[in-house]
């Protein structure tokens, strides 16, 4: 099954928004004090060796008479396509009825941008879509960007669509991009446990997972249960992300449609060696927002922690 998560804008950003809302209701800022010029380009997603990638140039100029602080609110046109790390973004919420996220972001890496009168900042809002490139052009709508100022509230709001260039270089006659809704993660192979050569007190269990669709996800997780007494997941090789008792993240982050990934799970041995013969169930699941059950037909596998021998 899928795990559930959700994040909100930071308290500081929410507080700033609330302050702006209250101030706007009470009195309007003088026109010559707070104003900005905003320019937003087009989002063209180019086919690559790993899905589609593209960026929108966004330019904000403080045309007011005083220094002002500006920040963004952004709704992605394709669910899961906006990597929020560059501008210190927080995922505010999912749009009701679909998986598009709305973010609150700064204009720079430090989470905001203070502009003097006449000063300009230009950023590239980057997007990627982890789906197999097509021989035909595609499109998907529903994105927008809002620019807010600390003194004047909402400065501008621009809508935009995502346009997918075909593998033949065309943007004409685009078809609607239909993204998977249900994640489809599968365990395709589990090897025999061996002694970890880097730490002979631990067991090393090889696992291969595959992501069979293009539904949005943040990462994949692997759960092993019930583990024998004394056994816990220590980490993975390659090592990435948290390991929590019987659960660990699949290293490597988001997965491309059709991508397979092999890694080793490092598990402490059972207190009683005889328990290594007990059957455990491995389950892979996608980490995203909301409650959607993954297809259980291929996202589980069974094994034991019995150590493989050459005899």
C-alpha atoms as a PDB file:
ATOM      1  CA  UNK A   1       0.000   0.000   0.000  1.00  0.00           C
ATOM      2  CA  UNK A   2       1.064   3.566  -0.372  1.00  0.00           C
ATOM      3  CA  UNK A   3       2.178   5.582   2.585  1.00  0.00           C
ATOM      4  CA  UNK A   4       0.576   8.933   3.284  1.00  0.00           C
ATOM      5  CA  UNK A   5       2.391  12.209   3.636  1.00  0.00           C
ATOM      6  CA  UNK A   6       1.717  15.895   3.331  1.00  0.00           C
ATOM      7  CA  UNK A   7       3.645  19.094   3.946  1.00  0.00           C
ATOM      8  CA  UNK A   8       2.571  22.663   4.447  1.00  0.00           C
ATOM      9  CA  UNK A   9       4.196  25.983   3.768  1.00  0.00           C
ATOM     10  CA  UNK A  10       6.569  26.977   6.514  1.00  0.00           C
ATOM     11  CA  UNK A  11       5.193  28.923   9.435  1.00  0.00           C
ATOM     12  CA  UNK A  12       7.150  31.962   8.338  1.00  0.00           C
ATOM     13  CA  UNK A  13       5.654  31.923   4.852  1.00  0.00           C
ATOM     14  CA  UNK A  14       2.162  31.308   6.181  1.00  0.00           C
ATOM     15  CA  UNK A  15       2.621  34.135   8.645  1.00  0.00           C
ATOM     16  CA  UNK A  16       3.822  36.428   5.892  1.00  0.00           C
ATOM     17  CA  UNK A  17       0.814  35.512   3.754  1.00  0.00           C
ATOM     18  CA  UNK A  18      -1.582  36.126   6.632  1.00  0.00           C
ATOM     19  CA  UNK A  19       0.043  39.494   7.336  1.00  0.00           C
ATOM     20  CA  UNK A  20      -0.233  40.493   3.706  1.00  0.00           C
ATOM     21  CA  UNK A  21      -3.886  39.424   3.587  1.00  0.00           C
ATOM     22  CA  UNK A  22      -4.738  41.448   6.686  1.00  0.00           C
ATOM     23  CA  UNK A  23      -2.860  44.503   5.494  1.00  0.00           C
ATOM     24  CA  UNK A  24      -4.470  44.373   2.052  1.00  0.00           C
ATOM     25  CA  UNK A  25      -7.937  44.263   3.562  1.00  0.00           C
ATOM     26  CA  UNK A  26      -7.233  47.284   5.743  1.00  0.00           C
ATOM     27  CA  UNK A  27      -5.479  49.587   3.305  1.00  0.00           C
ATOM     28  CA  UNK A  28      -4.049  49.462  -0.201  1.00  0.00           C
ATOM     29  CA  UNK A  29      -0.360  50.213  -0.702  1.00  0.00           C
ATOM     30  CA  UNK A  30       0.387  53.386  -2.697  1.00  0.00           C
ATOM     31  CA  UNK A  31       0.786  52.614  -6.385  1.00  0.00           C
ATOM     32  CA  UNK A  32       4.142  54.384  -6.598  1.00  0.00           C
ATOM     33  CA  UNK A  33       5.499  52.444  -3.600  1.00  0.00           C
ATOM     34  CA  UNK A  34       4.756  48.820  -4.559  1.00  0.00           C
ATOM     35  CA  UNK A  35       4.753  47.535  -8.118  1.00  0.00           C
ATOM     36  CA  UNK A  36       6.603  44.984 -10.201  1.00  0.00           C
ATOM     37  CA  UNK A  37       7.023  43.916 -13.798  1.00  0.00           C
ATOM     38  CA  UNK A  38       6.783  40.155 -14.380  1.00  0.00           C
ATOM     39  CA  UNK A  39       7.651  38.132 -17.475  1.00  0.00           C
ATOM     40  CA  UNK A  40       7.039  34.379 -17.817  1.00  0.00           C
ATOM     41  CA  UNK A  41       8.255  32.275 -20.741  1.00  0.00           C
ATOM     42  CA  UNK A  42       6.951  28.991 -22.176  1.00  0.00           C
ATOM     43  CA  UNK A  43       7.513  25.514 -20.765  1.00  0.00           C
ATOM     44  CA  UNK A  44       8.857  23.219 -23.487  1.00  0.00           C
ATOM     45  CA  UNK A  45       9.738  19.758 -22.198  1.00  0.00           C
ATOM     46  CA  UNK A  46      12.483  18.161 -24.270  1.00  0.00           C
ATOM     47  CA  UNK A  47      12.910  14.378 -24.610  1.00  0.00           C
ATOM     48  CA  UNK A  48      16.062  13.080 -22.895  1.00  0.00           C
ATOM     49  CA  UNK A  49      17.619   9.772 -21.939  1.00  0.00           C
ATOM     50  CA  UNK A  50      15.581   9.996 -18.729  1.00  0.00           C
ATOM     51  CA  UNK A  51      12.126  11.305 -19.545  1.00  0.00           C
ATOM     52  CA  UNK A  52      11.439  14.951 -20.377  1.00  0.00           C
ATOM     53  CA  UNK A  53      13.106  18.088 -19.029  1.00  0.00           C
ATOM     54  CA  UNK A  54      12.462  21.780 -19.479  1.00  0.00           C
ATOM     55  CA  UNK A  55      12.461  25.170 -17.792  1.00  0.00           C
ATOM     56  CA  UNK A  56      10.508  28.432 -17.820  1.00  0.00           C
ATOM     57  CA  UNK A  57      12.398  31.732 -17.562  1.00  0.00           C
ATOM     58  CA  UNK A  58      10.755  34.004 -14.986  1.00  0.00           C
ATOM     59  CA  UNK A  59      11.812  37.646 -14.607  1.00  0.00           C
ATOM     60  CA  UNK A  60      10.688  39.917 -11.774  1.00  0.00           C
ATOM     61  CA  UNK A  61      11.607  43.617 -11.645  1.00  0.00           C
ATOM     62  CA  UNK A  62      10.812  45.870  -8.706  1.00  0.00           C
ATOM     63  CA  UNK A  63       9.223  48.902 -10.388  1.00  0.00           C
ATOM     64  CA  UNK A  64       8.182  50.444  -7.092  1.00  0.00           C
ATOM     65  CA  UNK A  65       9.902  53.219  -5.190  1.00  0.00           C
ATOM     66  CA  UNK A  66      10.986  51.140  -2.191  1.00  0.00           C
ATOM     67  CA  UNK A  67      12.928  47.952  -1.569  1.00  0.00           C
ATOM     68  CA  UNK A  68      10.518  45.028  -1.414  1.00  0.00           C
ATOM     69  CA  UNK A  69      10.617  41.282  -0.730  1.00  0.00           C
ATOM     70  CA  UNK A  70       9.128  38.956  -3.363  1.00  0.00           C
ATOM     71  CA  UNK A  71       8.175  35.275  -3.308  1.00  0.00           C
ATOM     72  CA  UNK A  72       6.283  32.802  -5.499  1.00  0.00           C
ATOM     73  CA  UNK A  73       3.343  30.484  -5.353  1.00  0.00           C
ATOM     74  CA  UNK A  74       3.468  27.851  -8.079  1.00  0.00           C
ATOM     75  CA  UNK A  75       1.149  25.089  -9.262  1.00  0.00           C
ATOM     76  CA  UNK A  76       2.844  22.433 -11.367  1.00  0.00           C
ATOM     77  CA  UNK A  77       1.159  21.530 -14.679  1.00  0.00           C
ATOM     78  CA  UNK A  78       2.224  17.869 -14.495  1.00  0.00           C
ATOM     79  CA  UNK A  79       1.907  16.067 -11.145  1.00  0.00           C
ATOM     80  CA  UNK A  80       5.295  15.346  -9.616  1.00  0.00           C
ATOM     81  CA  UNK A  81       7.218  17.398 -12.198  1.00  0.00           C
ATOM     82  CA  UNK A  82       8.561  20.308 -10.116  1.00  0.00           C
ATOM     83  CA  UNK A  83      11.671  19.580  -8.001  1.00  0.00           C
ATOM     84  CA  UNK A  84      11.201  22.038  -5.162  1.00  0.00           C
ATOM     85  CA  UNK A  85      14.702  22.088  -3.679  1.00  0.00           C
ATOM     86  CA  UNK A  86      16.237  24.924  -5.705  1.00  0.00           C
ATOM     87  CA  UNK A  87      14.187  27.776  -4.291  1.00  0.00           C
ATOM     88  CA  UNK A  88      13.532  26.532  -0.778  1.00  0.00           C
ATOM     89  CA  UNK A  89       9.963  25.567  -1.656  1.00  0.00           C
ATOM     90  CA  UNK A  90       7.409  23.857   0.519  1.00  0.00           C
ATOM     91  CA  UNK A  91       4.590  21.726  -0.894  1.00  0.00           C
ATOM     92  CA  UNK A  92       1.492  23.480   0.331  1.00  0.00           C
ATOM     93  CA  UNK A  93      -1.212  21.110  -0.829  1.00  0.00           C
ATOM     94  CA  UNK A  94      -2.526  18.913  -3.597  1.00  0.00           C
ATOM     95  CA  UNK A  95      -5.113  20.392  -5.908  1.00  0.00           C
ATOM     96  CA  UNK A  96      -8.481  18.768  -5.105  1.00  0.00           C
ATOM     97  CA  UNK A  97      -9.290  16.073  -7.637  1.00  0.00           C
ATOM     98  CA  UNK A  98      -5.793  15.572  -9.029  1.00  0.00           C
ATOM     99  CA  UNK A  99      -2.162  15.181  -7.966  1.00  0.00           C
ATOM    100  CA  UNK A 100      -0.818  18.614  -8.948  1.00  0.00           C
ATOM    101  CA  UNK A 101       1.003  20.304  -6.085  1.00  0.00           C
ATOM    102  CA  UNK A 102       1.027  23.972  -5.100  1.00  0.00           C
ATOM    103  CA  UNK A 103       4.310  25.340  -3.729  1.00  0.00           C
ATOM    104  CA  UNK A 104       5.421  28.438  -1.900  1.00  0.00           C
ATOM    105  CA  UNK A 105       8.916  29.396  -3.080  1.00  0.00           C
ATOM    106  CA  UNK A 106      11.509  32.111  -2.905  1.00  0.00           C
ATOM    107  CA  UNK A 107      13.129  33.592  -5.968  1.00  0.00           C
ATOM    108  CA  UNK A 108      16.611  32.555  -4.882  1.00  0.00           C
ATOM    109  CA  UNK A 109      18.256  29.602  -3.162  1.00  0.00           C
ATOM    110  CA  UNK A 110      17.949  31.253   0.257  1.00  0.00           C
ATOM    111  CA  UNK A 111      14.159  31.164   0.040  1.00  0.00           C
ATOM    112  CA  UNK A 112      13.269  34.667  -1.084  1.00  0.00           C
ATOM    113  CA  UNK A 113      14.447  37.800  -2.881  1.00  0.00           C
ATOM    114  CA  UNK A 114      14.707  41.363  -1.630  1.00  0.00           C
ATOM    115  CA  UNK A 115      14.849  43.753  -4.581  1.00  0.00           C
ATOM    116  CA  UNK A 116      15.788  47.415  -4.551  1.00  0.00           C
ATOM    117  CA  UNK A 117      13.850  49.815  -6.824  1.00  0.00           C
ATOM    118  CA  UNK A 118      14.692  48.968 -10.416  1.00  0.00           C
ATOM    119  CA  UNK A 119      16.468  45.738  -9.488  1.00  0.00           C
ATOM    120  CA  UNK A 120      15.698  42.581 -11.507  1.00  0.00           C
ATOM    121  CA  UNK A 121      16.022  38.894 -10.749  1.00  0.00           C
ATOM    122  CA  UNK A 122      15.672  36.148 -13.340  1.00  0.00           C
ATOM    123  CA  UNK A 123      15.285  32.469 -12.490  1.00  0.00           C
ATOM    124  CA  UNK A 124      14.628  29.272 -14.416  1.00  0.00           C
ATOM    125  CA  UNK A 125      11.765  27.190 -13.072  1.00  0.00           C
ATOM    126  CA  UNK A 126      12.826  23.645 -13.944  1.00  0.00           C
ATOM    127  CA  UNK A 127      10.533  20.690 -14.527  1.00  0.00           C
ATOM    128  CA  UNK A 128      11.059  17.036 -15.346  1.00  0.00           C
ATOM    129  CA  UNK A 129       8.586  14.273 -16.177  1.00  0.00           C
ATOM    130  CA  UNK A 130       9.785  10.690 -15.739  1.00  0.00           C
ATOM    131  CA  UNK A 131       7.843   9.088 -18.565  1.00  0.00           C
ATOM    132  CA  UNK A 132       9.056   7.445 -21.758  1.00  0.00           C
ATOM    133  CA  UNK A 133       9.512   9.988 -24.580  1.00  0.00           C
ATOM    134  CA  UNK A 134       6.971   9.618 -27.385  1.00  0.00           C
ATOM    135  CA  UNK A 135       7.215   9.934 -31.160  1.00  0.00           C
ATOM    136  CA  UNK A 136       4.396  12.506 -31.038  1.00  0.00           C
ATOM    137  CA  UNK A 137       4.045  15.855 -29.282  1.00  0.00           C
ATOM    138  CA  UNK A 138       1.964  16.133 -26.103  1.00  0.00           C
ATOM    139  CA  UNK A 139       0.513  18.802 -23.841  1.00  0.00           C
ATOM    140  CA  UNK A 140      -0.812  19.148 -20.311  1.00  0.00           C
ATOM    141  CA  UNK A 141      -2.320  22.262 -18.737  1.00  0.00           C
ATOM    142  CA  UNK A 142      -3.199  23.594 -15.337  1.00  0.00           C
ATOM    143  CA  UNK A 143       0.013  25.284 -14.223  1.00  0.00           C
ATOM    144  CA  UNK A 144       0.240  28.810 -12.842  1.00  0.00           C
ATOM    145  CA  UNK A 145       2.710  31.110 -11.086  1.00  0.00           C
ATOM    146  CA  UNK A 146       1.860  33.912  -8.689  1.00  0.00           C
ATOM    147  CA  UNK A 147       4.344  36.607  -7.639  1.00  0.00           C
ATOM    148  CA  UNK A 148       3.710  38.141  -4.225  1.00  0.00           C
ATOM    149  CA  UNK A 149       5.360  41.064  -2.515  1.00  0.00           C
ATOM    150  CA  UNK A 150       5.630  41.651   1.221  1.00  0.00           C
ATOM    151  CA  UNK A 151       4.297  45.181   0.869  1.00  0.00           C
ATOM    152  CA  UNK A 152       1.665  44.824  -1.818  1.00  0.00           C
ATOM    153  CA  UNK A 153       0.444  41.237  -1.771  1.00  0.00           C
ATOM    154  CA  UNK A 154      -0.317  39.556  -5.089  1.00  0.00           C
ATOM    155  CA  UNK A 155       1.589  41.319  -7.871  1.00  0.00           C
ATOM    156  CA  UNK A 156       0.912  39.053 -10.847  1.00  0.00           C
ATOM    157  CA  UNK A 157      -0.563  35.685 -11.786  1.00  0.00           C
ATOM    158  CA  UNK A 158       0.321  33.896 -15.026  1.00  0.00           C
ATOM    159  CA  UNK A 159      -1.045  30.556 -16.261  1.00  0.00           C
ATOM    160  CA  UNK A 160       1.079  28.172 -18.306  1.00  0.00           C
ATOM    161  CA  UNK A 161       0.930  24.742 -19.930  1.00  0.00           C
ATOM    162  CA  UNK A 162       3.511  22.027 -20.420  1.00  0.00           C
ATOM    163  CA  UNK A 163       4.335  21.181 -24.037  1.00  0.00           C
ATOM    164  CA  UNK A 164       6.210  17.948 -24.742  1.00  0.00           C
ATOM    165  CA  UNK A 165       8.427  17.882 -27.817  1.00  0.00           C
ATOM    166  CA  UNK A 166       8.315  14.609 -29.745  1.00  0.00           C
ATOM    167  CA  UNK A 167      11.398  12.465 -30.293  1.00  0.00           C
ATOM    168  CA  UNK A 168      11.265  13.621 -33.922  1.00  0.00           C
ATOM    169  CA  UNK A 169      11.494  17.276 -32.831  1.00  0.00           C
ATOM    170  CA  UNK A 170       7.861  18.263 -33.374  1.00  0.00           C
ATOM    171  CA  UNK A 171       5.561  20.376 -31.214  1.00  0.00           C
ATOM    172  CA  UNK A 172       2.624  20.357 -33.653  1.00  0.00           C
ATOM    173  CA  UNK A 173      -0.699  18.558 -33.192  1.00  0.00           C
ATOM    174  CA  UNK A 174      -0.008  17.682 -29.553  1.00  0.00           C
ATOM    175  CA  UNK A 175      -1.994  14.940 -27.874  1.00  0.00           C
ATOM    176  CA  UNK A 176      -3.131  15.237 -24.273  1.00  0.00           C
ATOM    177  CA  UNK A 177      -0.591  13.639 -21.951  1.00  0.00           C
ATOM    178  CA  UNK A 178      -2.400  11.080 -19.794  1.00  0.00           C
ATOM    179  CA  UNK A 179      -0.321  10.221 -16.745  1.00  0.00           C
ATOM    180  CA  UNK A 180      -0.804   7.092 -14.660  1.00  0.00           C
ATOM    181  CA  UNK A 181      -2.747   7.662 -11.454  1.00  0.00           C
ATOM    182  CA  UNK A 182      -1.923   4.391  -9.709  1.00  0.00           C
ATOM    183  CA  UNK A 183       1.750   3.724  -8.900  1.00  0.00           C
ATOM    184  CA  UNK A 184       3.013   0.342 -10.042  1.00  0.00           C
ATOM    185  CA  UNK A 185       6.094  -0.760  -8.112  1.00  0.00           C
ATOM    186  CA  UNK A 186       7.242  -4.366  -8.221  1.00  0.00           C
ATOM    187  CA  UNK A 187       9.867  -6.592  -6.627  1.00  0.00           C
ATOM    188  CA  UNK A 188      11.381  -8.512  -9.512  1.00  0.00           C
ATOM    189  CA  UNK A 189      14.188 -10.418  -7.758  1.00  0.00           C
ATOM    190  CA  UNK A 190      15.398 -11.348  -4.270  1.00  0.00           C
ATOM    191  CA  UNK A 191      18.719 -13.128  -3.812  1.00  0.00           C
ATOM    192  CA  UNK A 192      19.970 -15.350  -1.009  1.00  0.00           C
ATOM    193  CA  UNK A 193      21.313 -13.699   2.114  1.00  0.00           C
ATOM    194  CA  UNK A 194      25.092 -13.716   2.605  1.00  0.00           C
ATOM    195  CA  UNK A 195      27.450 -12.508   5.305  1.00  0.00           C
ATOM    196  CA  UNK A 196      28.242  -8.828   4.775  1.00  0.00           C
ATOM    197  CA  UNK A 197      31.981  -8.685   3.994  1.00  0.00           C
ATOM    198  CA  UNK A 198      32.199  -5.168   5.406  1.00  0.00           C
ATOM    199  CA  UNK A 199      30.669  -6.193   8.718  1.00  0.00           C
ATOM    200  CA  UNK A 200      30.564  -9.923   9.404  1.00  0.00           C
ATOM    201  CA  UNK A 201      27.939  -9.404  12.078  1.00  0.00           C
ATOM    202  CA  UNK A 202      25.353  -8.411   9.494  1.00  0.00           C
ATOM    203  CA  UNK A 203      23.513 -10.144   6.652  1.00  0.00           C
ATOM    204  CA  UNK A 204      23.368  -8.826   3.104  1.00  0.00           C
ATOM    205  CA  UNK A 205      20.156  -9.401   1.135  1.00  0.00           C
ATOM    206  CA  UNK A 206      20.126  -8.455  -2.584  1.00  0.00           C
ATOM    207  CA  UNK A 207      16.852  -7.013  -3.925  1.00  0.00           C
ATOM    208  CA  UNK A 208      15.768  -5.690  -7.340  1.00  0.00           C
ATOM    209  CA  UNK A 209      12.714  -3.463  -7.785  1.00  0.00           C
ATOM    210  CA  UNK A 210      11.087  -2.050 -10.906  1.00  0.00           C
ATOM    211  CA  UNK A 211       8.803   0.949 -11.432  1.00  0.00           C
ATOM    212  CA  UNK A 212       6.394  -0.031 -14.181  1.00  0.00           C
ATOM    213  CA  UNK A 213       4.418   3.163 -14.721  1.00  0.00           C
ATOM    214  CA  UNK A 214       4.780   6.947 -14.673  1.00  0.00           C
ATOM    215  CA  UNK A 215       2.505   7.863 -11.739  1.00  0.00           C
ATOM    216  CA  UNK A 216       3.994  10.638  -9.586  1.00  0.00           C
ATOM    217  CA  UNK A 217       6.006   9.576  -6.555  1.00  0.00           C
ATOM    218  CA  UNK A 218       8.685  10.990  -4.278  1.00  0.00           C
ATOM    219  CA  UNK A 219      10.523   7.741  -3.579  1.00  0.00           C
ATOM    220  CA  UNK A 220      10.011   4.020  -3.025  1.00  0.00           C
ATOM    221  CA  UNK A 221      10.150   2.202   0.297  1.00  0.00           C
ATOM    222  CA  UNK A 222      10.861  -1.427   1.132  1.00  0.00           C
ATOM    223  CA  UNK A 223       9.412  -3.154   4.195  1.00  0.00           C
ATOM    224  CA  UNK A 224      10.518  -6.551   5.557  1.00  0.00           C
ATOM    225  CA  UNK A 225       8.178  -8.293   8.009  1.00  0.00           C
ATOM    226  CA  UNK A 226       8.054 -10.028  10.304  1.00  0.00           C
ATOM    227  CA  UNK A 227      11.781  -9.860  10.968  1.00  0.00           C
ATOM    228  CA  UNK A 228      13.127 -12.387  13.492  1.00  0.00           C
ATOM    229  CA  UNK A 229      13.963 -11.216  17.004  1.00  0.00           C
ATOM    230  CA  UNK A 230      17.208  -9.263  16.950  1.00  0.00           C
ATOM    231  CA  UNK A 231      17.039  -8.453  13.226  1.00  0.00           C
ATOM    232  CA  UNK A 232      16.559  -4.888  11.997  1.00  0.00           C
ATOM    233  CA  UNK A 233      17.357  -3.159   8.728  1.00  0.00           C
ATOM    234  CA  UNK A 234      20.597  -1.244   9.276  1.00  0.00           C
ATOM    235  CA  UNK A 235      21.025   0.477   5.903  1.00  0.00           C
ATOM    236  CA  UNK A 236      21.246  -0.219   2.175  1.00  0.00           C
ATOM    237  CA  UNK A 237      24.152  -0.443  -0.277  1.00  0.00           C
ATOM    238  CA  UNK A 238      24.321   1.974  -1.931  1.00  0.00           C
ATOM    239  CA  UNK A 239      23.320   3.835   1.225  1.00  0.00           C
ATOM    240  CA  UNK A 240      20.716   6.556   0.955  1.00  0.00           C
ATOM    241  CA  UNK A 241      17.816   7.750   3.063  1.00  0.00           C
ATOM    242  CA  UNK A 242      16.516   6.500   6.391  1.00  0.00           C
ATOM    243  CA  UNK A 243      16.287   2.911   7.604  1.00  0.00           C
ATOM    244  CA  UNK A 244      13.741   2.414  10.374  1.00  0.00           C
ATOM    245  CA  UNK A 245      13.616  -1.005  12.014  1.00  0.00           C
ATOM    246  CA  UNK A 246      11.828  -3.023   9.296  1.00  0.00           C
ATOM    247  CA  UNK A 247      11.600  -0.309   6.593  1.00  0.00           C
ATOM    248  CA  UNK A 248      14.111   1.443   4.349  1.00  0.00           C
ATOM    249  CA  UNK A 249      13.987   3.788   1.386  1.00  0.00           C
ATOM    250  CA  UNK A 250      14.991   2.408  -1.996  1.00  0.00           C
ATOM    251  CA  UNK A 251      18.233   4.259  -2.872  1.00  0.00           C
ATOM    252  CA  UNK A 252      18.300   6.591  -5.844  1.00  0.00           C
ATOM    253  CA  UNK A 253      15.145   8.667  -5.364  1.00  0.00           C
ATOM    254  CA  UNK A 254      12.396   8.821  -7.967  1.00  0.00           C
ATOM    255  CA  UNK A 255      12.369   6.151 -10.633  1.00  0.00           C
ATOM    256  CA  UNK A 256      11.861   6.447 -14.353  1.00  0.00           C
ATOM    257  CA  UNK A 257       9.012   4.564 -16.018  1.00  0.00           C
ATOM    258  CA  UNK A 258      10.289   1.025 -16.628  1.00  0.00           C
ATOM    259  CA  UNK A 259      13.464   1.530 -14.577  1.00  0.00           C
ATOM    260  CA  UNK A 260      14.904  -1.355 -12.525  1.00  0.00           C
ATOM    261  CA  UNK A 261      17.147  -0.794  -9.530  1.00  0.00           C
ATOM    262  CA  UNK A 262      19.208  -3.363  -7.640  1.00  0.00           C
ATOM    263  CA  UNK A 263      20.594  -2.809  -4.152  1.00  0.00           C
ATOM    264  CA  UNK A 264      21.556  -4.726  -1.009  1.00  0.00           C
ATOM    265  CA  UNK A 265      19.653  -4.523   2.264  1.00  0.00           C
ATOM    266  CA  UNK A 266      21.907  -4.843   5.317  1.00  0.00           C
ATOM    267  CA  UNK A 267      20.122  -6.635   8.178  1.00  0.00           C
ATOM    268  CA  UNK A 268      21.415  -7.543  11.624  1.00  0.00           C
ATOM    269  CA  UNK A 269      21.321 -11.310  12.266  1.00  0.00           C
ATOM    270  CA  UNK A 270      18.591 -12.973  14.376  1.00  0.00           C
ATOM    271  CA  UNK A 271      19.256 -13.466  18.060  1.00  0.00           C
ATOM    272  CA  UNK A 272      18.552 -17.175  17.548  1.00  0.00           C
ATOM    273  CA  UNK A 273      20.287 -18.445  14.355  1.00  0.00           C
ATOM    274  CA  UNK A 274      17.492 -20.962  13.866  1.00  0.00           C
ATOM    275  CA  UNK A 275      15.099 -18.058  13.217  1.00  0.00           C
ATOM    276  CA  UNK A 276      16.967 -17.270  10.003  1.00  0.00           C
ATOM    277  CA  UNK A 277      14.893 -20.043   8.402  1.00  0.00           C
ATOM    278  CA  UNK A 278      11.660 -18.161   9.116  1.00  0.00           C
ATOM    279  CA  UNK A 279       9.919 -16.740   6.043  1.00  0.00           C
ATOM    280  CA  UNK A 280       9.758 -12.952   5.801  1.00  0.00           C
ATOM    281  CA  UNK A 281       7.721 -10.885   3.353  1.00  0.00           C
ATOM    282  CA  UNK A 282       9.267  -7.992   1.443  1.00  0.00           C
ATOM    283  CA  UNK A 283       6.915  -5.272   0.216  1.00  0.00           C
ATOM    284  CA  UNK A 284       7.757  -2.275  -1.969  1.00  0.00           C
ATOM    285  CA  UNK A 285       5.511   0.777  -1.996  1.00  0.00           C
ATOM    286  CA  UNK A 286       5.508   4.277  -3.451  1.00  0.00           C
ATOM    287  CA  UNK A 287       5.735   7.353  -1.240  1.00  0.00           C
ATOM    288  CA  UNK A 288       3.288  10.036  -2.373  1.00  0.00           C
ATOM    289  CA  UNK A 289       0.335  12.005  -1.081  1.00  0.00           C
ATOM    290  CA  UNK A 290      -3.062  10.495  -0.363  1.00  0.00           C
ATOM    291  CA  UNK A 291      -4.342   6.962   0.134  1.00  0.00           C
ATOM    292  CA  UNK A 292      -4.087   4.837  -2.998  1.00  0.00           C
ATOM    293  CA  UNK A 293      -3.447   1.110  -2.777  1.00  0.00           C
ATOM    294  CA  UNK A 294      -0.726  -0.303  -4.970  1.00  0.00           C
ATOM    295  CA  UNK A 295      -1.437  -3.477  -6.895  1.00  0.00           C
ATOM    296  CA  UNK A 296      -0.423  -6.215  -4.425  1.00  0.00           C
ATOM    297  CA  UNK A 297       0.041  -8.852  -7.109  1.00  0.00           C
ATOM    298  CA  UNK A 298       3.697  -8.085  -7.764  1.00  0.00           C
ATOM    299  CA  UNK A 299       4.875  -5.668  -5.083  1.00  0.00           C
ATOM    300  CA  UNK A 300       5.653  -8.417  -2.549  1.00  0.00           C
ATOM    301  CA  UNK A 301       8.105 -11.306  -2.376  1.00  0.00           C
ATOM    302  CA  UNK A 302       9.013 -13.856   0.274  1.00  0.00           C
ATOM    303  CA  UNK A 303      12.426 -15.049   1.406  1.00  0.00           C
ATOM    304  CA  UNK A 304      14.416 -16.113   4.480  1.00  0.00           C
ATOM    305  CA  UNK A 305      17.583 -14.786   6.104  1.00  0.00           C
ATOM    306  CA  UNK A 306      19.272 -18.195   5.853  1.00  0.00           C
ATOM    307  CA  UNK A 307      22.839 -17.583   4.728  1.00  0.00           C
ATOM    308  CA  UNK A 308      23.764 -18.950   1.317  1.00  0.00           C
ATOM    309  CA  UNK A 309      26.660 -21.389   1.228  1.00  0.00           C
ATOM    310  CA  UNK A 310      28.805 -22.801  -1.558  1.00  0.00           C
ATOM    311  CA  UNK A 311      28.139 -26.396  -0.587  1.00  0.00           C
END
